[in-house]
Amino acid sequence: MNPVVREWETVHGDLHWANLMGPKFGLLDRESWGRGPAGTDAATLLNYSLLVPQTVERVRDTTDAGLPAQFYVAARLLHRADRGDHPDLVAPLRRHADSW
């Protein structure tokens, strides 16, 4: 499969749970801000949640993490894992990518 990005949007670029603040909403770590496939931020939350299936379902139910964005984010996170980041996500990311 060769996913095609048909829509681009402004993205945070590294929107994971550690970059969200609450109970009053706030975002941290905006150095990756820029353009990305539509749904990149939702796909990032989804991919970082793969260790907690209930959270994956909640992200899917409340956001639009399209397939091209999920593919883009999974590839980016697997690349980072090659450098030692998030080793616990490698197997879930590969299973998730294989499910497409």
N, C-alpha and C. Protein backbone atom coordinates (compact mmCIF):
# COMPACT_ATOMS: atom_id res chain seq x y z
N MET A 1 0.84 -1.18 0.00
CA MET A 1 0.00 0.00 0.00
C MET A 1 0.89 1.24 0.00
N ASN A 2 0.56 2.21 -0.81
CA ASN A 2 1.26 3.49 -0.86
C ASN A 2 0.28 4.58 -0.46
N PRO A 3 0.26 4.95 0.83
CA PRO A 3 -0.68 5.99 1.24
C PRO A 3 -0.32 7.32 0.61
N VAL A 4 -1.34 8.04 0.23
CA VAL A 4 -1.17 9.35 -0.38
C VAL A 4 -1.75 10.39 0.57
N VAL A 5 -0.98 11.41 0.89
CA VAL A 5 -1.46 12.49 1.73
C VAL A 5 -2.18 13.48 0.83
N ARG A 6 -3.47 13.60 1.02
CA ARG A 6 -4.27 14.50 0.19
C ARG A 6 -4.55 15.83 0.89
N GLU A 7 -4.38 15.85 2.21
CA GLU A 7 -4.67 17.07 2.96
C GLU A 7 -3.59 17.29 4.02
N TRP A 8 -3.09 18.51 4.07
CA TRP A 8 -2.07 18.90 5.04
C TRP A 8 -2.68 19.95 5.95
N GLU A 9 -2.16 20.03 7.18
CA GLU A 9 -2.66 21.02 8.12
C GLU A 9 -1.54 21.43 9.08
N THR A 10 -1.78 22.48 9.83
CA THR A 10 -0.85 22.89 10.87
C THR A 10 -0.96 21.91 12.02
N VAL A 11 0.20 21.43 12.50
CA VAL A 11 0.20 20.42 13.56
C VAL A 11 1.16 20.83 14.67
N HIS A 12 0.89 20.33 15.85
CA HIS A 12 1.80 20.48 16.98
C HIS A 12 3.07 19.70 16.67
N GLY A 13 2.90 18.49 16.13
CA GLY A 13 4.02 17.68 15.66
C GLY A 13 4.56 16.67 16.65
N ASP A 14 4.26 16.84 17.94
CA ASP A 14 4.72 15.88 18.94
C ASP A 14 3.70 15.84 20.08
N LEU A 15 2.44 15.71 19.70
CA LEU A 15 1.35 15.77 20.67
C LEU A 15 1.16 14.40 21.33
N HIS A 16 1.83 14.23 22.45
CA HIS A 16 1.62 13.02 23.25
C HIS A 16 1.19 13.44 24.64
N TRP A 17 0.86 12.46 25.47
CA TRP A 17 0.23 12.73 26.76
C TRP A 17 1.10 13.59 27.67
N ALA A 18 2.40 13.48 27.60
CA ALA A 18 3.26 14.29 28.47
C ALA A 18 3.29 15.76 28.05
N ASN A 19 2.81 16.06 26.85
CA ASN A 19 2.77 17.43 26.37
C ASN A 19 1.40 18.08 26.54
N LEU A 20 0.49 17.41 27.22
CA LEU A 20 -0.84 17.96 27.49
C LEU A 20 -0.93 18.30 28.97
N MET A 21 -1.53 19.43 29.27
CA MET A 21 -1.73 19.84 30.65
C MET A 21 -3.21 19.91 30.97
N GLY A 22 -3.54 19.68 32.21
CA GLY A 22 -4.92 19.79 32.65
C GLY A 22 -4.93 19.98 34.15
N PRO A 23 -6.02 20.29 34.76
CA PRO A 23 -7.37 20.28 34.20
C PRO A 23 -7.65 21.47 33.28
N LYS A 24 -6.93 22.58 33.43
CA LYS A 24 -7.06 23.66 32.48
C LYS A 24 -6.15 23.33 31.30
N PHE A 25 -6.70 23.30 30.10
CA PHE A 25 -5.96 22.84 28.92
C PHE A 25 -4.72 23.67 28.65
N GLY A 26 -3.65 22.98 28.33
CA GLY A 26 -2.41 23.63 27.92
C GLY A 26 -1.56 22.66 27.12
N LEU A 27 -0.75 23.19 26.22
CA LEU A 27 0.16 22.40 25.39
C LEU A 27 1.60 22.79 25.69
N LEU A 28 2.46 21.80 25.75
CA LEU A 28 3.89 22.03 25.95
C LEU A 28 4.67 21.58 24.72
N ASP A 29 5.93 21.99 24.64
CA ASP A 29 6.87 21.43 23.66
C ASP A 29 6.43 21.64 22.23
N ARG A 30 6.47 22.87 21.78
CA ARG A 30 5.99 23.19 20.43
C ARG A 30 7.10 23.26 19.39
N GLU A 31 8.28 22.73 19.68
CA GLU A 31 9.38 22.88 18.73
C GLU A 31 9.18 22.10 17.43
N SER A 32 8.26 21.13 17.42
CA SER A 32 7.99 20.36 16.19
C SER A 32 6.81 20.94 15.41
N TRP A 33 6.31 22.09 15.82
CA TRP A 33 5.19 22.74 15.17
C TRP A 33 5.48 22.94 13.69
N GLY A 34 4.48 22.74 12.84
CA GLY A 34 4.65 22.95 11.41
C GLY A 34 3.49 22.36 10.64
N ARG A 35 3.77 21.83 9.45
CA ARG A 35 2.74 21.23 8.60
C ARG A 35 2.91 19.72 8.63
N GLY A 36 1.78 19.02 8.57
CA GLY A 36 1.80 17.56 8.55
C GLY A 36 0.52 17.04 7.94
N PRO A 37 0.48 15.75 7.67
CA PRO A 37 -0.76 15.16 7.15
C PRO A 37 -1.92 15.44 8.10
N ALA A 38 -3.10 15.71 7.54
CA ALA A 38 -4.27 15.95 8.38
C ALA A 38 -4.46 14.78 9.34
N GLY A 39 -4.66 15.10 10.61
CA GLY A 39 -4.84 14.07 11.63
C GLY A 39 -3.56 13.66 12.33
N THR A 40 -2.45 14.33 12.04
CA THR A 40 -1.17 13.95 12.63
C THR A 40 -1.20 13.99 14.15
N ASP A 41 -1.76 15.03 14.73
CA ASP A 41 -1.76 15.13 16.19
C ASP A 41 -2.62 14.03 16.81
N ALA A 42 -3.78 13.75 16.24
CA ALA A 42 -4.61 12.65 16.75
C ALA A 42 -3.90 11.32 16.56
N ALA A 43 -3.24 11.14 15.42
CA ALA A 43 -2.50 9.90 15.17
C ALA A 43 -1.34 9.74 16.14
N THR A 44 -0.73 10.85 16.52
CA THR A 44 0.36 10.78 17.49
C THR A 44 -0.17 10.32 18.85
N LEU A 45 -1.28 10.91 19.30
CA LEU A 45 -1.89 10.45 20.55
C LEU A 45 -2.26 8.97 20.47
N LEU A 46 -2.83 8.57 19.35
CA LEU A 46 -3.25 7.18 19.17
C LEU A 46 -2.04 6.25 19.25
N ASN A 47 -0.98 6.56 18.53
CA ASN A 47 0.21 5.70 18.51
C ASN A 47 0.89 5.63 19.88
N TYR A 48 0.94 6.75 20.58
CA TYR A 48 1.53 6.74 21.92
C TYR A 48 0.65 5.99 22.92
N SER A 49 -0.60 5.75 22.57
CA SER A 49 -1.54 5.07 23.47
C SER A 49 -1.62 3.57 23.23
N LEU A 50 -0.86 3.03 22.32
CA LEU A 50 -1.00 1.63 21.93
C LEU A 50 -0.81 0.64 23.07
N LEU A 51 -0.19 1.05 24.15
CA LEU A 51 -0.02 0.17 25.30
C LEU A 51 -1.28 0.11 26.17
N VAL A 52 -2.24 0.99 25.89
CA VAL A 52 -3.49 1.05 26.67
C VAL A 52 -4.67 1.01 25.69
N PRO A 53 -5.14 -0.19 25.33
CA PRO A 53 -6.18 -0.32 24.30
C PRO A 53 -7.43 0.53 24.54
N GLN A 54 -7.85 0.71 25.79
CA GLN A 54 -9.04 1.53 26.06
C GLN A 54 -8.80 2.98 25.64
N THR A 55 -7.57 3.46 25.81
CA THR A 55 -7.25 4.82 25.42
C THR A 55 -7.20 4.94 23.90
N VAL A 56 -6.70 3.91 23.23
CA VAL A 56 -6.70 3.91 21.76
C VAL A 56 -8.13 4.07 21.25
N GLU A 57 -9.06 3.31 21.82
CA GLU A 57 -10.46 3.41 21.40
C GLU A 57 -11.03 4.78 21.69
N ARG A 58 -10.68 5.36 22.82
CA ARG A 58 -11.17 6.71 23.15
C ARG A 58 -10.64 7.73 22.16
N VAL A 59 -9.36 7.63 21.80
CA VAL A 59 -8.78 8.55 20.80
C VAL A 59 -9.49 8.36 19.47
N ARG A 60 -9.71 7.11 19.07
CA ARG A 60 -10.41 6.84 17.79
C ARG A 60 -11.83 7.39 17.80
N ASP A 61 -12.49 7.30 18.95
CA ASP A 61 -13.88 7.76 19.05
C ASP A 61 -14.01 9.28 19.06
N THR A 62 -12.97 9.98 19.46
CA THR A 62 -13.09 11.43 19.64
C THR A 62 -12.24 12.26 18.69
N THR A 63 -11.46 11.62 17.83
CA THR A 63 -10.59 12.37 16.92
C THR A 63 -10.66 11.77 15.52
N ASP A 64 -9.99 12.44 14.60
CA ASP A 64 -9.89 11.95 13.23
C ASP A 64 -8.41 11.70 12.91
N ALA A 65 -7.95 10.50 13.26
CA ALA A 65 -6.57 10.11 12.97
C ALA A 65 -6.59 9.26 11.71
N GLY A 66 -6.56 9.90 10.56
CA GLY A 66 -6.64 9.20 9.30
C GLY A 66 -5.47 8.25 9.07
N LEU A 67 -5.66 7.32 8.17
CA LEU A 67 -4.65 6.31 7.89
C LEU A 67 -3.32 6.90 7.43
N PRO A 68 -3.30 7.87 6.51
CA PRO A 68 -1.99 8.44 6.12
C PRO A 68 -1.25 9.04 7.32
N ALA A 69 -1.98 9.71 8.20
CA ALA A 69 -1.34 10.30 9.38
C ALA A 69 -0.84 9.22 10.32
N GLN A 70 -1.61 8.15 10.51
CA GLN A 70 -1.17 7.06 11.38
C GLN A 70 0.09 6.41 10.82
N PHE A 71 0.14 6.22 9.51
CA PHE A 71 1.30 5.63 8.85
C PHE A 71 2.53 6.54 9.05
N TYR A 72 2.34 7.83 8.82
CA TYR A 72 3.41 8.82 8.97
C TYR A 72 3.96 8.82 10.40
N VAL A 73 3.07 8.85 11.38
CA VAL A 73 3.50 8.90 12.78
C VAL A 73 4.16 7.59 13.20
N ALA A 74 3.58 6.46 12.81
CA ALA A 74 4.19 5.17 13.17
C ALA A 74 5.60 5.06 12.60
N ALA A 75 5.78 5.48 11.36
CA ALA A 75 7.11 5.44 10.75
C ALA A 75 8.08 6.35 11.51
N ARG A 76 7.61 7.53 11.86
CA ARG A 76 8.47 8.47 12.61
C ARG A 76 8.85 7.91 13.98
N LEU A 77 7.88 7.30 14.69
CA LEU A 77 8.17 6.74 16.01
C LEU A 77 9.07 5.51 15.91
N LEU A 78 8.89 4.69 14.89
CA LEU A 78 9.78 3.54 14.72
C LEU A 78 11.20 4.00 14.39
N HIS A 79 11.32 5.06 13.64
CA HIS A 79 12.64 5.63 13.36
C HIS A 79 13.29 6.11 14.66
N ARG A 80 12.51 6.78 15.49
CA ARG A 80 13.04 7.24 16.79
C ARG A 80 13.39 6.05 17.67
N ALA A 81 12.62 4.97 17.58
CA ALA A 81 12.90 3.77 18.38
C ALA A 81 14.23 3.15 17.98
N ASP A 82 14.59 3.27 16.70
CA ASP A 82 15.89 2.77 16.25
C ASP A 82 17.04 3.48 16.97
N ARG A 83 16.76 4.68 17.48
CA ARG A 83 17.77 5.44 18.22
C ARG A 83 17.60 5.28 19.73
N GLY A 84 16.70 4.37 20.15
CA GLY A 84 16.54 4.07 21.56
C GLY A 84 15.34 4.68 22.25
N ASP A 85 14.56 5.50 21.55
CA ASP A 85 13.37 6.11 22.16
C ASP A 85 12.22 5.10 22.22
N HIS A 86 11.51 5.09 23.30
CA HIS A 86 10.26 4.33 23.47
C HIS A 86 10.36 2.87 23.04
N PRO A 87 11.30 2.10 23.58
CA PRO A 87 11.43 0.70 23.17
C PRO A 87 10.17 -0.13 23.45
N ASP A 88 9.38 0.28 24.44
CA ASP A 88 8.16 -0.44 24.76
C ASP A 88 7.08 -0.31 23.69
N LEU A 89 7.21 0.68 22.81
CA LEU A 89 6.21 0.89 21.75
C LEU A 89 6.53 0.16 20.46
N VAL A 90 7.73 -0.39 20.32
CA VAL A 90 8.15 -0.99 19.04
C VAL A 90 7.20 -2.10 18.61
N ALA A 91 6.98 -3.09 19.44
CA ALA A 91 6.10 -4.21 19.06
C ALA A 91 4.68 -3.75 18.79
N PRO A 92 4.06 -2.93 19.68
CA PRO A 92 2.71 -2.45 19.37
C PRO A 92 2.64 -1.62 18.09
N LEU A 93 3.65 -0.79 17.84
CA LEU A 93 3.66 0.00 16.60
C LEU A 93 3.72 -0.89 15.37
N ARG A 94 4.56 -1.92 15.42
CA ARG A 94 4.65 -2.84 14.27
C ARG A 94 3.35 -3.59 14.06
N ARG A 95 2.72 -4.05 15.16
CA ARG A 95 1.42 -4.74 15.03
C ARG A 95 0.38 -3.80 14.45
N HIS A 96 0.38 -2.57 14.92
CA HIS A 96 -0.58 -1.57 14.43
C HIS A 96 -0.36 -1.32 12.93
N ALA A 97 0.89 -1.15 12.54
CA ALA A 97 1.19 -0.91 11.11
C ALA A 97 0.83 -2.13 10.27
N ASP A 98 1.05 -3.32 10.79
CA ASP A 98 0.71 -4.54 10.04
C ASP A 98 -0.80 -4.73 9.89
N SER A 99 -1.59 -4.08 10.73
CA SER A 99 -3.05 -4.24 10.67
C SER A 99 -3.67 -3.46 9.52
N TRP A 100 -2.89 -2.61 8.83
CA TRP A 100 -3.44 -1.82 7.73
C TRP A 100 -3.47 -2.67 6.52
